[in-house]
Amino acid sequence: MEEIGLNVIILIGVGLYTLLASAMNWNFFFESRKAAFFVRVFGRNGARIFYGALSFLIFFLAYKVALPA
């Protein structure tokens, strides 16, 4: 069995964190300075959808990185 790299574990963790933040509507996440741009552009619910889609993109990236070459 292949060893899972640290970068895959980090990507899965970031994807899970982003997915949970968008699903649970965490105030500290959406009121942060870095997320404020997306909240301003898309609105709160639009930003939640954006971050939810981004989390699935991060999961897909982790899957692709984990595959053997």
PDB file of N, CA and C in Angstrom:
ATOM      1  N   MET A   1       0.833  -1.178   0.000  1.00  0.00           N
ATOM      2  CA  MET A   1       0.000   0.000   0.000  1.00  0.00           C
ATOM      3  C   MET A   1       0.879   1.244   0.000  1.00  0.00           C
ATOM      4  N   GLU A   2       0.501   2.199  -0.834  1.00  0.00           N
ATOM      5  CA  GLU A   2       1.287   3.418  -0.948  1.00  0.00           C
ATOM      6  C   GLU A   2       1.130   4.295   0.284  1.00  0.00           C
ATOM      7  N   GLU A   3       2.177   5.005   0.598  1.00  0.00           N
ATOM      8  CA  GLU A   3       2.144   5.911   1.733  1.00  0.00           C
ATOM      9  C   GLU A   3       1.482   7.223   1.309  1.00  0.00           C
ATOM     10  N   ILE A   4       0.558   7.704   2.117  1.00  0.00           N
ATOM     11  CA  ILE A   4      -0.099   8.974   1.825  1.00  0.00           C
ATOM     12  C   ILE A   4       0.803  10.103   2.292  1.00  0.00           C
ATOM     13  N   GLY A   5       1.064  11.040   1.396  1.00  0.00           N
ATOM     14  CA  GLY A   5       1.960  12.138   1.710  1.00  0.00           C
ATOM     15  C   GLY A   5       1.312  13.182   2.610  1.00  0.00           C
ATOM     16  N   LEU A   6       2.165  13.969   3.219  1.00  0.00           N
ATOM     17  CA  LEU A   6       1.705  15.025   4.103  1.00  0.00           C
ATOM     18  C   LEU A   6       0.882  16.059   3.342  1.00  0.00           C
ATOM     19  N   ASN A   7       1.246  16.324   2.092  1.00  0.00           N
ATOM     20  CA  ASN A   7       0.494  17.306   1.310  1.00  0.00           C
ATOM     21  C   ASN A   7      -0.946  16.857   1.066  1.00  0.00           C
ATOM     22  N   VAL A   8      -1.179  15.560   0.914  1.00  0.00           N
ATOM     23  CA  VAL A   8      -2.537  15.048   0.733  1.00  0.00           C
ATOM     24  C   VAL A   8      -3.339  15.216   2.019  1.00  0.00           C
ATOM     25  N   ILE A   9      -2.728  14.933   3.149  1.00  0.00           N
ATOM     26  CA  ILE A   9      -3.401  15.085   4.437  1.00  0.00           C
ATOM     27  C   ILE A   9      -3.753  16.545   4.686  1.00  0.00           C
ATOM     28  N   ILE A  10      -2.848  17.461   4.343  1.00  0.00           N
ATOM     29  CA  ILE A  10      -3.117  18.891   4.511  1.00  0.00           C
ATOM     30  C   ILE A  10      -4.251  19.329   3.594  1.00  0.00           C
ATOM     31  N   LEU A  11      -4.255  18.873   2.342  1.00  0.00           N
ATOM     32  CA  LEU A  11      -5.327  19.236   1.418  1.00  0.00           C
ATOM     33  C   LEU A  11      -6.681  18.727   1.896  1.00  0.00           C
ATOM     34  N   ILE A  12      -6.721  17.508   2.411  1.00  0.00           N
ATOM     35  CA  ILE A  12      -7.973  16.966   2.933  1.00  0.00           C
ATOM     36  C   ILE A  12      -8.436  17.766   4.149  1.00  0.00           C
ATOM     37  N   GLY A  13      -7.511  18.136   5.012  1.00  0.00           N
ATOM     38  CA  GLY A  13      -7.864  18.942   6.183  1.00  0.00           C
ATOM     39  C   GLY A  13      -8.402  20.316   5.805  1.00  0.00           C
ATOM     40  N   VAL A  14      -7.760  20.958   4.843  1.00  0.00           N
ATOM     41  CA  VAL A  14      -8.223  22.276   4.392  1.00  0.00           C
ATOM     42  C   VAL A  14      -9.587  22.151   3.720  1.00  0.00           C
ATOM     43  N   GLY A  15      -9.772  21.126   2.906  1.00  0.00           N
ATOM     44  CA  GLY A  15     -11.062  20.910   2.261  1.00  0.00           C
ATOM     45  C   GLY A  15     -12.167  20.647   3.264  1.00  0.00           C
ATOM     46  N   LEU A  16     -11.875  19.858   4.278  1.00  0.00           N
ATOM     47  CA  LEU A  16     -12.864  19.561   5.309  1.00  0.00           C
ATOM     48  C   LEU A  16     -13.212  20.811   6.115  1.00  0.00           C
ATOM     49  N   TYR A  17     -12.204  21.599   6.452  1.00  0.00           N
ATOM     50  CA  TYR A  17     -12.418  22.842   7.196  1.00  0.00           C
ATOM     51  C   TYR A  17     -13.293  23.803   6.389  1.00  0.00           C
ATOM     52  N   THR A  18     -13.002  23.936   5.103  1.00  0.00           N
ATOM     53  CA  THR A  18     -13.775  24.833   4.247  1.00  0.00           C
ATOM     54  C   THR A  18     -15.197  24.330   4.061  1.00  0.00           C
ATOM     55  N   LEU A  19     -15.359  23.026   3.890  1.00  0.00           N
ATOM     56  CA  LEU A  19     -16.693  22.461   3.737  1.00  0.00           C
ATOM     57  C   LEU A  19     -17.532  22.657   5.001  1.00  0.00           C
ATOM     58  N   LEU A  20     -16.941  22.403   6.153  1.00  0.00           N
ATOM     59  CA  LEU A  20     -17.661  22.593   7.412  1.00  0.00           C
ATOM     60  C   LEU A  20     -18.012  24.060   7.646  1.00  0.00           C
ATOM     61  N   ALA A  21     -17.099  24.959   7.296  1.00  0.00           N
ATOM     62  CA  ALA A  21     -17.364  26.386   7.475  1.00  0.00           C
ATOM     63  C   ALA A  21     -18.521  26.830   6.602  1.00  0.00           C
ATOM     64  N   SER A  22     -18.584  26.341   5.373  1.00  0.00           N
ATOM     65  CA  SER A  22     -19.679  26.747   4.490  1.00  0.00           C
ATOM     66  C   SER A  22     -20.995  26.087   4.890  1.00  0.00           C
ATOM     67  N   ALA A  23     -20.955  24.858   5.341  1.00  0.00           N
ATOM     68  CA  ALA A  23     -22.184  24.156   5.720  1.00  0.00           C
ATOM     69  C   ALA A  23     -22.750  24.662   7.046  1.00  0.00           C
ATOM     70  N   MET A  24     -21.877  24.991   7.987  1.00  0.00           N
ATOM     71  CA  MET A  24     -22.326  25.398   9.317  1.00  0.00           C
ATOM     72  C   MET A  24     -22.452  26.913   9.446  1.00  0.00           C
ATOM     73  N   ASN A  25     -22.073  27.656   8.399  1.00  0.00           N
ATOM     74  CA  ASN A  25     -22.205  29.117   8.367  1.00  0.00           C
ATOM     75  C   ASN A  25     -21.480  29.771   9.546  1.00  0.00           C
ATOM     76  N   TRP A  26     -20.219  29.399   9.726  1.00  0.00           N
ATOM     77  CA  TRP A  26     -19.434  29.906  10.845  1.00  0.00           C
ATOM     78  C   TRP A  26     -19.181  31.399  10.690  1.00  0.00           C
ATOM     79  N   ASN A  27     -19.559  32.183  11.689  1.00  0.00           N
ATOM     80  CA  ASN A  27     -19.376  33.635  11.643  1.00  0.00           C
ATOM     81  C   ASN A  27     -17.907  34.021  11.575  1.00  0.00           C
ATOM     82  N   PHE A  28     -17.069  33.398  12.387  1.00  0.00           N
ATOM     83  CA  PHE A  28     -15.661  33.780  12.400  1.00  0.00           C
ATOM     84  C   PHE A  28     -14.997  33.541  11.054  1.00  0.00           C
ATOM     85  N   PHE A  29     -15.493  32.588  10.303  1.00  0.00           N
ATOM     86  CA  PHE A  29     -14.923  32.298   8.987  1.00  0.00           C
ATOM     87  C   PHE A  29     -15.345  33.365   7.979  1.00  0.00           C
ATOM     88  N   PHE A  30     -16.630  33.675   7.931  1.00  0.00           N
ATOM     89  CA  PHE A  30     -17.141  34.594   6.922  1.00  0.00           C
ATOM     90  C   PHE A  30     -16.954  36.058   7.295  1.00  0.00           C
ATOM     91  N   GLU A  31     -16.653  36.344   8.538  1.00  0.00           N
ATOM     92  CA  GLU A  31     -16.375  37.714   8.935  1.00  0.00           C
ATOM     93  C   GLU A  31     -14.885  38.016   8.945  1.00  0.00           C
ATOM     94  N   SER A  32     -14.079  37.047   8.553  1.00  0.00           N
ATOM     95  CA  SER A  32     -12.633  37.276   8.506  1.00  0.00           C
ATOM     96  C   SER A  32     -12.286  38.207   7.346  1.00  0.00           C
ATOM     97  N   ARG A  33     -11.142  38.808   7.439  1.00  0.00           N
ATOM     98  CA  ARG A  33     -10.692  39.762   6.432  1.00  0.00           C
ATOM     99  C   ARG A  33     -10.516  39.106   5.070  1.00  0.00           C
ATOM    100  N   LYS A  34     -10.058  37.877   5.046  1.00  0.00           N
ATOM    101  CA  LYS A  34      -9.786  37.194   3.781  1.00  0.00           C
ATOM    102  C   LYS A  34     -11.064  36.753   3.068  1.00  0.00           C
ATOM    103  N   ALA A  35     -12.109  36.444   3.802  1.00  0.00           N
ATOM    104  CA  ALA A  35     -13.373  36.020   3.195  1.00  0.00           C
ATOM    105  C   ALA A  35     -14.291  37.197   2.903  1.00  0.00           C
ATOM    106  N   ALA A  36     -13.957  38.371   3.415  1.00  0.00           N
ATOM    107  CA  ALA A  36     -14.835  39.537   3.265  1.00  0.00           C
ATOM    108  C   ALA A  36     -15.037  39.909   1.798  1.00  0.00           C
ATOM    109  N   PHE A  37     -14.022  39.732   0.969  1.00  0.00           N
ATOM    110  CA  PHE A  37     -14.151  40.050  -0.450  1.00  0.00           C
ATOM    111  C   PHE A  37     -15.258  39.221  -1.090  1.00  0.00           C
ATOM    112  N   PHE A  38     -15.262  37.927  -0.835  1.00  0.00           N
ATOM    113  CA  PHE A  38     -16.255  37.041  -1.440  1.00  0.00           C
ATOM    114  C   PHE A  38     -17.646  37.301  -0.874  1.00  0.00           C
ATOM    115  N   VAL A  39     -17.727  37.658   0.394  1.00  0.00           N
ATOM    116  CA  VAL A  39     -19.018  37.994   0.985  1.00  0.00           C
ATOM    117  C   VAL A  39     -19.556  39.284   0.360  1.00  0.00           C
ATOM    118  N   ARG A  40     -18.671  40.247   0.116  1.00  0.00           N
ATOM    119  CA  ARG A  40     -19.087  41.497  -0.525  1.00  0.00           C
ATOM    120  C   ARG A  40     -19.549  41.262  -1.963  1.00  0.00           C
ATOM    121  N   VAL A  41     -18.827  40.420  -2.700  1.00  0.00           N
ATOM    122  CA  VAL A  41     -19.131  40.188  -4.110  1.00  0.00           C
ATOM    123  C   VAL A  41     -20.362  39.301  -4.283  1.00  0.00           C
ATOM    124  N   PHE A  42     -20.434  38.194  -3.559  1.00  0.00           N
ATOM    125  CA  PHE A  42     -21.487  37.199  -3.760  1.00  0.00           C
ATOM    126  C   PHE A  42     -22.615  37.265  -2.731  1.00  0.00           C
ATOM    127  N   GLY A  43     -22.425  37.998  -1.646  1.00  0.00           N
ATOM    128  CA  GLY A  43     -23.368  37.941  -0.532  1.00  0.00           C
ATOM    129  C   GLY A  43     -23.006  36.752   0.360  1.00  0.00           C
ATOM    130  N   ARG A  44     -23.638  36.682   1.515  1.00  0.00           N
ATOM    131  CA  ARG A  44     -23.279  35.633   2.478  1.00  0.00           C
ATOM    132  C   ARG A  44     -23.597  34.236   1.935  1.00  0.00           C
ATOM    133  N   ASN A  45     -24.794  34.045   1.399  1.00  0.00           N
ATOM    134  CA  ASN A  45     -25.151  32.715   0.892  1.00  0.00           C
ATOM    135  C   ASN A  45     -24.360  32.360  -0.361  1.00  0.00           C
ATOM    136  N   GLY A  46     -24.084  33.337  -1.201  1.00  0.00           N
ATOM    137  CA  GLY A  46     -23.264  33.073  -2.379  1.00  0.00           C
ATOM    138  C   GLY A  46     -21.845  32.688  -2.003  1.00  0.00           C
ATOM    139  N   ALA A  47     -21.309  33.339  -0.980  1.00  0.00           N
ATOM    140  CA  ALA A  47     -19.975  32.988  -0.498  1.00  0.00           C
ATOM    141  C   ALA A  47     -19.968  31.583   0.095  1.00  0.00           C
ATOM    142  N   ARG A  48     -21.046  31.207   0.764  1.00  0.00           N
ATOM    143  CA  ARG A  48     -21.141  29.844   1.297  1.00  0.00           C
ATOM    144  C   ARG A  48     -21.128  28.820   0.162  1.00  0.00           C
ATOM    145  N   ILE A  49     -21.854  29.108  -0.914  1.00  0.00           N
ATOM    146  CA  ILE A  49     -21.859  28.202  -2.063  1.00  0.00           C
ATOM    147  C   ILE A  49     -20.483  28.167  -2.715  1.00  0.00           C
ATOM    148  N   PHE A  50     -19.854  29.338  -2.846  1.00  0.00           N
ATOM    149  CA  PHE A  50     -18.512  29.395  -3.428  1.00  0.00           C
ATOM    150  C   PHE A  50     -17.525  28.560  -2.619  1.00  0.00           C
ATOM    151  N   TYR A  51     -17.522  28.736  -1.313  1.00  0.00           N
ATOM    152  CA  TYR A  51     -16.583  27.987  -0.474  1.00  0.00           C
ATOM    153  C   TYR A  51     -16.919  26.493  -0.429  1.00  0.00           C
ATOM    154  N   GLY A  52     -18.189  26.153  -0.531  1.00  0.00           N
ATOM    155  CA  GLY A  52     -18.560  24.738  -0.625  1.00  0.00           C
ATOM    156  C   GLY A  52     -18.028  24.109  -1.894  1.00  0.00           C
ATOM    157  N   ALA A  53     -18.169  24.818  -3.018  1.00  0.00           N
ATOM    158  CA  ALA A  53     -17.630  24.317  -4.288  1.00  0.00           C
ATOM    159  C   ALA A  53     -16.107  24.263  -4.243  1.00  0.00           C
ATOM    160  N   LEU A  54     -15.489  25.256  -3.615  1.00  0.00           N
ATOM    161  CA  LEU A  54     -14.034  25.268  -3.486  1.00  0.00           C
ATOM    162  C   LEU A  54     -13.543  24.078  -2.674  1.00  0.00           C
ATOM    163  N   SER A  55     -14.292  23.695  -1.661  1.00  0.00           N
ATOM    164  CA  SER A  55     -13.883  22.553  -0.841  1.00  0.00           C
ATOM    165  C   SER A  55     -13.886  21.264  -1.666  1.00  0.00           C
ATOM    166  N   PHE A  56     -14.884  21.104  -2.553  1.00  0.00           N
ATOM    167  CA  PHE A  56     -14.894  19.916  -3.397  1.00  0.00           C
ATOM    168  C   PHE A  56     -13.752  19.941  -4.410  1.00  0.00           C
ATOM    169  N   LEU A  57     -13.382  21.124  -4.866  1.00  0.00           N
ATOM    170  CA  LEU A  57     -12.224  21.252  -5.749  1.00  0.00           C
ATOM    171  C   LEU A  57     -10.943  20.856  -5.008  1.00  0.00           C
ATOM    172  N   ILE A  58     -10.838  21.245  -3.753  1.00  0.00           N
ATOM    173  CA  ILE A  58      -9.665  20.879  -2.947  1.00  0.00           C
ATOM    174  C   ILE A  58      -9.634  19.372  -2.699  1.00  0.00           C
ATOM    175  N   PHE A  59     -10.798  18.763  -2.433  1.00  0.00           N
ATOM    176  CA  PHE A  59     -10.856  17.305  -2.268  1.00  0.00           C
ATOM    177  C   PHE A  59     -10.417  16.600  -3.553  1.00  0.00           C
ATOM    178  N   PHE A  60     -10.874  17.106  -4.700  1.00  0.00           N
ATOM    179  CA  PHE A  60     -10.490  16.519  -5.983  1.00  0.00           C
ATOM    180  C   PHE A  60      -8.994  16.653  -6.211  1.00  0.00           C
ATOM    181  N   LEU A  61      -8.429  17.785  -5.846  1.00  0.00           N
ATOM    182  CA  LEU A  61      -6.983  17.986  -5.967  1.00  0.00           C
ATOM    183  C   LEU A  61      -6.226  17.001  -5.077  1.00  0.00           C
ATOM    184  N   ALA A  62      -6.702  16.785  -3.870  1.00  0.00           N
ATOM    185  CA  ALA A  62      -6.075  15.814  -2.971  1.00  0.00           C
ATOM    186  C   ALA A  62      -6.135  14.424  -3.557  1.00  0.00           C
ATOM    187  N   TYR A  63      -7.267  14.085  -4.185  1.00  0.00           N
ATOM    188  CA  TYR A  63      -7.421  12.782  -4.823  1.00  0.00           C
ATOM    189  C   TYR A  63      -6.414  12.613  -5.955  1.00  0.00           C
ATOM    190  N   LYS A  64      -6.260  13.664  -6.774  1.00  0.00           N
ATOM    191  CA  LYS A  64      -5.323  13.589  -7.891  1.00  0.00           C
ATOM    192  C   LYS A  64      -3.879  13.508  -7.424  1.00  0.00           C
ATOM    193  N   VAL A  65      -3.550  14.215  -6.358  1.00  0.00           N
ATOM    194  CA  VAL A  65      -2.193  14.174  -5.823  1.00  0.00           C
ATOM    195  C   VAL A  65      -1.904  12.802  -5.223  1.00  0.00           C
ATOM    196  N   ALA A  66      -2.913  12.182  -4.638  1.00  0.00           N
ATOM    197  CA  ALA A  66      -2.718  10.895  -3.962  1.00  0.00           C
ATOM    198  C   ALA A  66      -2.543   9.748  -4.941  1.00  0.00           C
ATOM    199  N   LEU A  67      -3.033   9.909  -6.171  1.00  0.00           N
ATOM    200  CA  LEU A  67      -2.903   8.826  -7.152  1.00  0.00           C
ATOM    201  C   LEU A  67      -1.450   8.609  -7.527  1.00  0.00           C
ATOM    202  N   PRO A  68      -1.047   7.363  -7.691  1.00  0.00           N
ATOM    203  CA  PRO A  68       0.324   7.115  -8.135  1.00  0.00           C
ATOM    204  C   PRO A  68       0.507   7.570  -9.572  1.00  0.00           C
ATOM    205  N   ALA A  69       1.689   8.019  -9.875  1.00  0.00           N
ATOM    206  CA  ALA A  69       1.981   8.577 -11.210  1.00  0.00           C
ATOM    207  C   ALA A  69       1.995   7.539 -12.293  1.00  0.00           C
TER     208      ALA A  69
END
